[in-house]
Protein backbone atom coordinates (compact mmCIF):
# COMPACT_ATOMS: atom_id res chain seq x y z
CA MET A 1 24.54 -3.26 -41.42
CA LYS A 2 24.39 -7.05 -41.57
CA TYR A 3 26.46 -9.10 -43.94
CA TYR A 4 27.61 -12.70 -44.12
CA PHE A 5 31.05 -13.97 -44.96
CA LEU A 6 30.63 -16.77 -47.55
CA PHE A 7 33.97 -17.51 -49.18
CA ILE A 8 33.60 -19.59 -52.32
CA ILE A 9 36.44 -21.95 -51.38
CA SER A 10 36.42 -23.08 -47.75
CA CYS A 11 40.20 -23.09 -47.29
CA LEU A 12 41.06 -19.86 -49.09
CA PHE A 13 42.77 -18.28 -46.12
CA SER A 14 45.23 -21.15 -45.73
CA SER A 15 47.24 -19.24 -48.35
CA LEU A 16 47.80 -16.55 -45.73
CA TYR A 17 50.88 -18.34 -44.52
CA ILE A 18 52.43 -19.18 -47.88
CA ASN A 19 55.28 -16.87 -48.86
CA SER A 20 54.08 -16.23 -52.39
CA GLN A 21 51.85 -13.79 -54.21
CA THR A 22 48.23 -14.85 -53.91
CA THR A 23 45.05 -13.82 -55.72
CA ILE A 24 41.88 -14.89 -53.91
CA ASN A 25 38.25 -14.80 -55.04
CA GLY A 26 35.50 -14.31 -52.51
CA SER A 27 31.87 -13.39 -51.96
CA PHE A 28 29.46 -12.47 -49.20
CA VAL A 29 25.83 -11.43 -48.95
CA HIS A 30 25.17 -7.75 -48.32
CA SER A 31 21.70 -6.18 -48.27
CA GLY A 32 20.24 -9.33 -49.79
CA LEU A 33 22.68 -9.45 -52.72
CA THR A 34 25.61 -11.81 -53.22
CA ARG A 35 28.60 -9.54 -53.81
CA THR A 36 31.80 -10.83 -55.42
CA TYR A 37 35.38 -9.63 -55.45
CA SER A 38 39.00 -10.70 -55.71
CA PHE A 39 42.08 -9.45 -53.90
CA TYR A 40 45.82 -9.81 -54.21
CA VAL A 41 48.18 -10.48 -51.31
CA PRO A 42 51.86 -9.73 -52.04
CA ALA A 43 54.61 -12.11 -50.99
CA SER A 44 55.91 -9.45 -48.60
CA TYR A 45 52.74 -9.61 -46.48
CA THR A 46 53.43 -10.84 -42.93
CA PRO A 47 50.57 -11.70 -40.56
CA GLY A 48 50.50 -9.28 -37.64
CA GLN A 49 52.20 -6.47 -39.55
CA ALA A 50 49.62 -3.90 -40.64
CA ALA A 51 49.42 -3.51 -44.44
CA PRO A 52 47.75 -0.74 -46.46
CA LEU A 53 44.66 -1.67 -48.49
CA VAL A 54 43.73 -0.24 -51.90
CA LEU A 55 40.28 -0.69 -53.46
CA ASN A 56 40.51 -0.58 -57.27
CA LEU A 57 37.05 -0.01 -58.78
CA HIS A 58 36.22 -0.91 -62.39
CA GLY A 59 34.32 1.19 -64.90
CA TYR A 60 30.80 0.78 -66.23
CA THR A 61 30.32 -2.53 -68.14
CA SER A 62 33.63 -3.87 -66.78
CA ASN A 63 34.42 -6.03 -63.73
CA GLY A 64 37.07 -6.48 -61.07
CA ASN A 65 39.16 -9.01 -62.99
CA GLN A 66 39.36 -6.77 -66.05
CA GLN A 67 40.28 -3.79 -63.89
CA SER A 68 43.02 -5.86 -62.26
CA LEU A 69 44.58 -6.72 -65.63
CA TYR A 70 44.13 -3.23 -67.09
CA THR A 71 45.79 -1.30 -64.25
CA ASN A 72 48.29 -3.85 -62.83
CA PHE A 73 48.65 -2.56 -59.27
CA GLN A 74 49.99 -5.99 -58.34
CA ALA A 75 53.49 -5.20 -59.61
CA ILE A 76 53.70 -2.24 -57.22
CA ALA A 77 52.01 -4.10 -54.36
CA ASP A 78 54.81 -6.68 -54.50
CA THR A 79 57.39 -4.08 -53.48
CA ALA A 80 55.25 -1.58 -51.55
CA GLY A 81 53.52 -4.28 -49.49
CA PHE A 82 49.87 -3.30 -49.82
CA ILE A 83 46.86 -5.55 -50.46
CA ILE A 84 44.85 -4.63 -53.57
CA ALA A 85 41.15 -5.52 -53.84
CA HIS A 86 39.08 -5.64 -57.04
CA PRO A 87 35.38 -5.75 -56.16
CA ASP A 88 32.57 -6.20 -58.67
CA GLY A 89 29.65 -3.84 -59.10
CA THR A 90 26.13 -5.18 -59.49
CA ILE A 91 24.15 -5.73 -62.69
CA GLU A 92 21.99 -2.78 -63.70
CA ALA A 93 18.50 -4.08 -64.50
CA THR A 94 17.82 -1.95 -67.58
CA THR A 95 21.16 -2.52 -69.35
CA SER A 96 22.41 -5.82 -67.85
CA GLN A 97 25.79 -4.13 -67.30
CA ARG A 98 27.88 -3.89 -64.12
CA PHE A 99 27.90 -0.51 -62.43
CA TRP A 100 28.59 1.34 -59.18
CA ASN A 101 25.78 3.27 -57.52
CA PHE A 102 27.21 6.64 -56.51
CA GLY A 103 23.70 8.02 -56.07
CA ILE A 104 22.32 7.29 -59.53
CA LEU A 105 18.65 8.19 -59.83
CA GLY A 106 16.48 5.07 -59.48
CA ALA A 107 19.28 2.78 -58.26
CA ASN A 108 18.89 1.30 -54.79
CA VAL A 109 22.11 -0.71 -54.43
CA ASP A 110 24.09 0.12 -51.26
CA ASP A 111 27.60 0.20 -52.72
CA VAL A 112 29.02 2.43 -49.97
CA GLY A 113 27.85 -0.14 -47.43
CA PHE A 114 29.19 -3.02 -49.53
CA LEU A 115 32.66 -1.50 -49.85
CA GLU A 116 32.79 -0.75 -46.12
CA ALA A 117 31.72 -4.35 -45.48
CA LEU A 118 34.48 -5.55 -47.82
CA ILE A 119 37.03 -3.62 -45.76
CA ASP A 120 35.67 -5.24 -42.59
CA THR A 121 35.70 -8.69 -44.20
CA LEU A 122 39.33 -8.44 -45.31
CA SER A 123 40.34 -6.90 -41.97
CA ALA A 124 38.89 -9.91 -40.14
CA HIS A 125 41.39 -12.21 -41.87
CA TYR A 126 44.35 -9.98 -42.70
CA THR A 127 46.16 -7.33 -40.70
CA ILE A 128 44.92 -4.19 -42.45
CA ASN A 129 46.09 -0.77 -41.31
CA PRO A 130 42.77 1.05 -40.71
CA ASN A 131 44.47 4.41 -41.22
CA ARG A 132 45.91 3.48 -44.63
CA ILE A 133 42.91 2.47 -46.74
CA TYR A 134 42.55 4.01 -50.21
CA SER A 135 40.14 3.86 -53.15
CA VAL A 136 40.74 4.56 -56.82
CA GLY A 137 38.49 3.92 -59.78
CA MET A 138 38.20 4.08 -63.54
CA SER A 139 35.26 6.09 -64.96
CA ASN A 140 32.16 4.90 -63.05
CA GLY A 141 34.58 3.58 -60.42
CA GLY A 142 36.11 7.07 -60.19
CA PHE A 143 32.67 8.52 -59.49
CA MET A 144 32.30 5.88 -56.77
CA SER A 145 35.65 6.77 -55.19
CA TYR A 146 34.58 10.40 -54.89
CA CYS A 147 31.30 9.20 -53.41
CA LEU A 148 33.22 7.27 -50.74
CA ALA A 149 35.17 10.41 -49.82
CA CYS A 150 31.88 12.29 -49.49
CA GLU A 151 29.99 9.70 -47.44
CA THR A 152 32.46 7.80 -45.23
CA ASP A 153 35.62 8.60 -43.26
CA ARG A 154 37.28 5.21 -43.84
CA PHE A 155 39.68 6.40 -46.56
CA ALA A 156 43.03 8.14 -46.22
CA ALA A 157 42.95 9.33 -49.86
CA VAL A 158 41.02 8.62 -53.06
CA GLY A 159 41.70 8.81 -56.77
CA SER A 160 39.85 8.90 -60.07
CA VAL A 161 40.93 8.16 -63.64
CA THR A 162 38.40 9.40 -66.27
CA GLY A 163 35.72 9.66 -63.57
CA SER A 164 34.13 12.72 -61.99
CA MET A 165 31.43 13.89 -59.59
CA SER A 166 27.83 14.09 -60.71
CA VAL A 167 26.14 17.45 -60.31
CA VAL A 168 23.97 15.96 -57.55
CA MET A 169 26.98 14.52 -55.72
CA TYR A 170 28.93 17.76 -56.08
CA ASN A 171 26.09 19.83 -54.61
CA SER A 172 25.38 17.44 -51.72
CA CYS A 173 28.92 16.34 -50.75
CA THR A 174 29.75 17.22 -47.13
CA PRO A 175 32.90 15.28 -46.16
CA SER A 176 33.43 14.70 -42.45
CA ARG A 177 37.13 15.59 -42.79
CA PRO A 178 39.66 16.69 -45.44
CA THR A 179 40.55 13.86 -47.85
CA PRO A 180 43.45 14.17 -50.32
CA THR A 181 42.46 13.36 -53.93
CA ILE A 182 44.24 12.69 -57.21
CA ARG A 183 42.50 13.06 -60.57
CA ILE A 184 43.75 11.92 -64.01
CA HIS A 185 41.64 12.94 -67.00
CA GLY A 186 41.99 13.36 -70.76
CA THR A 187 40.81 16.48 -72.54
CA SER A 188 39.50 14.34 -75.44
CA ASP A 189 37.47 12.02 -73.22
CA ASN A 190 34.18 11.55 -75.10
CA VAL A 191 32.53 9.50 -72.33
CA VAL A 192 33.08 11.71 -69.28
CA PRO A 193 34.02 15.11 -70.77
CA TYR A 194 36.98 16.92 -69.21
CA ALA A 195 35.00 20.18 -69.17
CA GLY A 196 31.91 18.52 -67.71
CA ASN A 197 28.32 18.50 -69.01
CA SER A 198 24.77 18.74 -67.70
CA THR A 199 25.18 15.69 -65.46
CA SER A 200 28.83 15.75 -64.33
CA LYS A 201 31.23 18.44 -63.20
CA GLY A 202 34.44 19.32 -65.05
CA ALA A 203 37.83 17.98 -64.00
CA GLU A 204 39.28 21.30 -62.88
CA GLU A 205 36.12 22.33 -61.03
CA VAL A 206 36.06 19.06 -59.08
CA THR A 207 39.78 19.32 -58.32
CA LEU A 208 39.28 22.84 -56.97
CA PHE A 209 36.35 21.59 -54.87
CA TRP A 210 38.64 19.09 -53.12
CA ALA A 211 41.43 21.67 -52.84
CA ASN A 212 38.99 23.83 -50.89
CA GLN A 213 37.82 20.87 -48.78
CA ASN A 214 41.47 20.24 -47.85
CA ASN A 215 42.17 23.95 -47.26
CA CYS A 216 44.90 23.88 -49.93
CA ASN A 217 46.23 26.85 -51.82
CA THR A 218 43.76 27.46 -54.63
CA THR A 219 46.49 28.41 -57.12
CA PRO A 220 48.23 25.21 -58.22
CA ALA A 221 51.85 24.62 -59.15
CA ILE A 222 51.77 23.39 -62.77
CA THR A 223 54.56 21.39 -64.37
CA GLN A 224 54.80 19.77 -67.78
CA VAL A 225 55.16 16.00 -67.79
CA PRO A 226 58.09 15.12 -70.11
CA ASN A 227 56.77 14.03 -73.51
CA THR A 228 58.71 10.77 -73.57
CA ASN A 229 56.39 9.15 -76.13
CA THR A 230 55.80 11.41 -79.12
CA SER A 231 53.59 8.93 -80.99
CA ASP A 232 50.79 8.48 -78.41
CA GLY A 233 48.85 11.59 -79.45
CA ALA A 234 48.82 12.99 -75.91
CA THR A 235 50.81 15.17 -73.54
CA ALA A 236 50.23 15.89 -69.85
CA GLU A 237 50.43 18.64 -67.26
CA HIS A 238 50.61 18.04 -63.51
CA TYR A 239 48.66 20.37 -61.20
CA VAL A 240 49.51 20.31 -57.46
CA TYR A 241 47.42 22.16 -54.88
CA SER A 242 49.56 22.18 -51.73
CA GLY A 243 49.51 23.64 -48.22
CA GLY A 244 46.40 21.82 -47.02
CA THR A 245 45.34 20.66 -43.57
CA ASN A 246 47.92 18.29 -42.01
CA GLY A 247 50.07 18.55 -45.13
CA ASN A 248 47.31 17.37 -47.50
CA THR A 249 47.58 18.05 -51.22
CA VAL A 250 45.21 17.65 -54.16
CA GLU A 251 46.55 16.73 -57.62
CA LEU A 252 45.33 16.72 -61.20
CA TYR A 253 46.96 15.25 -64.30
CA LYS A 254 45.49 17.06 -67.32
CA VAL A 255 46.12 14.78 -70.31
CA THR A 256 45.85 16.91 -73.43
CA GLY A 257 44.62 14.72 -76.28
CA GLY A 258 44.02 11.81 -73.93
CA GLY A 259 40.86 9.75 -74.27
CA HIS A 260 38.72 7.73 -71.88
CA THR A 261 41.76 5.65 -70.95
CA TRP A 262 44.19 4.81 -68.14
CA PRO A 263 47.64 6.31 -68.93
CA ASP A 264 50.23 3.62 -69.68
CA ALA A 265 47.68 0.84 -69.14
CA THR A 266 48.75 -2.72 -69.92
CA VAL A 267 46.58 -2.64 -73.08
CA SER A 268 45.38 0.16 -75.36
CA LEU A 269 41.67 0.74 -75.99
CA PRO A 270 41.65 2.48 -79.40
CA SER A 271 37.86 2.89 -79.37
CA ASN A 272 38.20 5.00 -76.22
CA GLY A 273 40.75 7.44 -77.67
CA ASN A 274 44.46 7.99 -77.10
CA THR A 275 46.28 6.31 -74.22
CA CYS A 276 49.01 8.59 -72.89
CA ARG A 277 52.35 6.77 -72.48
CA ASP A 278 54.30 9.66 -70.94
CA PHE A 279 53.57 8.57 -67.38
CA ASN A 280 52.12 5.54 -65.61
CA ALA A 281 48.83 6.30 -63.85
CA THR A 282 49.14 3.29 -61.53
CA LYS A 283 52.56 4.37 -60.28
CA GLU A 284 51.48 7.98 -59.82
CA ILE A 285 48.37 6.97 -57.88
CA TRP A 286 50.36 4.84 -55.45
CA ARG A 287 53.01 7.56 -55.19
CA PHE A 288 50.21 9.91 -54.12
CA PHE A 289 48.47 7.45 -51.78
CA SER A 290 51.72 6.40 -50.09
CA GLN A 291 52.15 9.87 -48.57
CA TYR A 292 48.96 9.70 -46.52
CA GLU A 293 47.32 8.04 -43.60
CA ARG A 294 43.84 8.92 -42.40
CA GLY A 295 44.03 12.41 -40.95
CA GLY A 296 47.10 13.68 -42.80
CA THR A 297 50.55 12.89 -44.17
CA LEU A 298 52.50 10.02 -42.69
CA SER A 299 54.71 12.43 -40.78
CA THR A 300 51.93 14.65 -39.42
CA GLY A 301 48.83 12.47 -39.20
CA LYS A 302 49.57 11.41 -35.60
CA ASN A 303 52.19 14.03 -34.75
CA MET A 304 54.80 11.27 -34.51
CA GLU A 305 57.75 13.60 -34.08
CA ALA A 306 56.19 15.18 -30.99
CA ASP A 307 55.02 11.85 -29.55
CA GLN A 308 58.35 10.06 -30.03
CA ASN A 309 60.70 13.06 -29.64
CA ILE A 310 62.30 12.47 -33.02
CA ALA A 311 63.54 15.26 -35.26
CA VAL A 312 64.79 14.79 -38.83
CA TYR A 313 66.53 17.73 -40.45
CA PRO A 314 67.17 19.43 -42.75
CA ASN A 315 64.16 18.45 -44.84
CA PRO A 316 64.50 18.98 -47.79
CA ALA A 317 68.09 17.77 -47.59
CA GLN A 318 71.00 17.71 -50.02
CA LYS A 319 73.92 15.48 -49.02
CA THR A 320 73.04 14.40 -45.46
CA PHE A 321 70.25 14.61 -42.94
CA VAL A 322 70.40 14.26 -39.16
CA ILE A 323 68.23 12.04 -36.98
CA LYS A 324 68.00 13.50 -33.48
CA THR A 325 66.22 12.20 -30.38
CA ASN A 326 66.11 13.45 -26.79
CA GLU A 327 67.63 10.16 -25.62
CA THR A 328 70.00 8.11 -27.76
CA ILE A 329 68.41 4.82 -28.82
CA ASN A 330 69.43 1.97 -31.12
CA ALA A 331 67.19 1.29 -34.10
CA ASP A 332 67.14 0.05 -37.69
CA ILE A 333 66.98 2.81 -40.30
CA TYR A 334 65.48 2.26 -43.75
CA LEU A 335 65.15 4.60 -46.73
CA LEU A 336 62.61 3.55 -49.37
CA ASP A 337 61.29 5.05 -52.58
CA LEU A 338 57.59 5.86 -52.90
CA GLN A 339 56.95 2.45 -54.46
CA GLY A 340 58.24 0.81 -51.26
CA ARG A 341 61.56 -0.40 -52.70
CA LEU A 342 64.47 -0.42 -50.26
CA ILE A 343 67.16 2.10 -51.20
CA LYS A 344 69.36 2.13 -48.11
CA SER A 345 69.41 0.45 -44.70
CA LEU A 346 71.44 0.71 -41.48
CA LYS A 347 71.06 -1.91 -38.75
CA ASN A 348 71.21 -1.24 -35.00
CA VAL A 349 72.31 2.37 -35.41
CA SER A 350 72.38 4.89 -32.56
CA THR A 351 70.15 7.89 -33.15
CA ASN A 352 71.64 11.37 -33.10
CA THR A 353 73.43 10.31 -36.26
CA ALA A 354 73.73 11.50 -39.86
CA LEU A 355 72.78 9.50 -42.95
CA ASP A 356 74.75 10.13 -46.14
CA LEU A 357 72.59 10.96 -49.20
CA GLU A 358 75.47 11.54 -51.62
CA ASP A 359 74.38 8.78 -54.02
CA LEU A 360 70.62 9.53 -54.04
CA LYS A 361 68.82 11.14 -56.94
CA PRO A 362 66.66 14.21 -56.17
CA GLY A 363 63.12 13.23 -55.27
CA ASN A 364 60.83 12.05 -52.46
CA TYR A 365 61.60 9.10 -50.20
CA ILE A 366 60.17 7.41 -47.11
CA LEU A 367 62.32 7.19 -43.98
CA LYS A 368 61.54 4.44 -41.47
CA ILE A 369 63.12 4.10 -38.03
CA SER A 370 62.15 1.03 -36.02
CA ASN A 371 63.00 -1.20 -33.10
CA SER A 372 60.89 -3.31 -30.73
CA ASP A 373 59.35 -0.17 -29.17
CA LEU A 374 59.42 2.28 -32.05
CA ASN A 375 57.88 2.55 -35.51
CA PHE A 376 58.54 6.00 -36.95
CA THR A 377 57.86 7.01 -40.59
CA LYS A 378 58.52 10.31 -42.32
CA LYS A 379 58.55 11.61 -45.87
CA LEU A 380 61.97 12.96 -46.89
CA THR A 381 62.77 15.18 -49.86
CA VAL A 382 66.24 15.15 -51.45
CA THR A 383 67.24 18.16 -53.54
CA GLU A 384 70.12 18.81 -55.90
């Protein structure tokens, strides 16, 4: 595939070295079409240190800038350290509206190729971790994210809010490897029905499809999301299909009474139905993505414990956990939440040591152990 890098402003990448948040607009020609996009670089980005990349795909009739404002991944990117890209779909000839071609009958736009080219373009100028690339989309963008999981192996995980899989996509999807997915969908969505219709599959059917693709348990654990906002007209249940290949899971948020909306979005869209305010879809999507690299969970994707002779136990832990290595080494130890915020740090500590968890709330965390020769990451669960 041939594409040309044609940034609108010739010196855009000079901002690479400025320690501040940066939003950059760009374009290049792909398959004869000029394709446009923007992306956000957090202040924490450091050249040479591999950063995750998230593609955030807009819905039908929308565009990348509107999707950026509606979902506000930037606030999380600032602490978690990922780059967030907001590409634009092309204009559909019959309606003059922007759209993503996930295999729509009569459309000939190569959006899979464009989004892969966008990854390559950004990777040529920023240090992108090729094993930690994710895609999420709203509505039509959600359909496109599923399409990416079906047709390319570039993504560690994908997500969809109010989007689904078309019947054609569902019947033809043959992923090259298991890909974790998260789905958020309202039962009162009158644009892409929760139960499906003649052209798109239902939310629970699609979720089960990906649970099977990931070899997860087909009976989910279901928990009620606390109804913290009793005036939003919606409640939510959280379905988790666990036990998949390399620790993969598949998740569904069933938003009862929710419309064709992004839960806890920066603005409400009354014409699209109720916006659930009991949980924040953006935070939950990054929480889900942050567990995975291409090929599995962060702790199992490359079998780091075996390669680096590091054991962390017990896990889940209550008050303390032990870091054990075959040979004692000195390293920096960091404990972060799933949004990338630093909770605890110990500098130049000898391994074969214990870390006190007395003051931590129950939940999931990310443990990082690093020195000049070591970069070890593992998910840690703290229980009551």
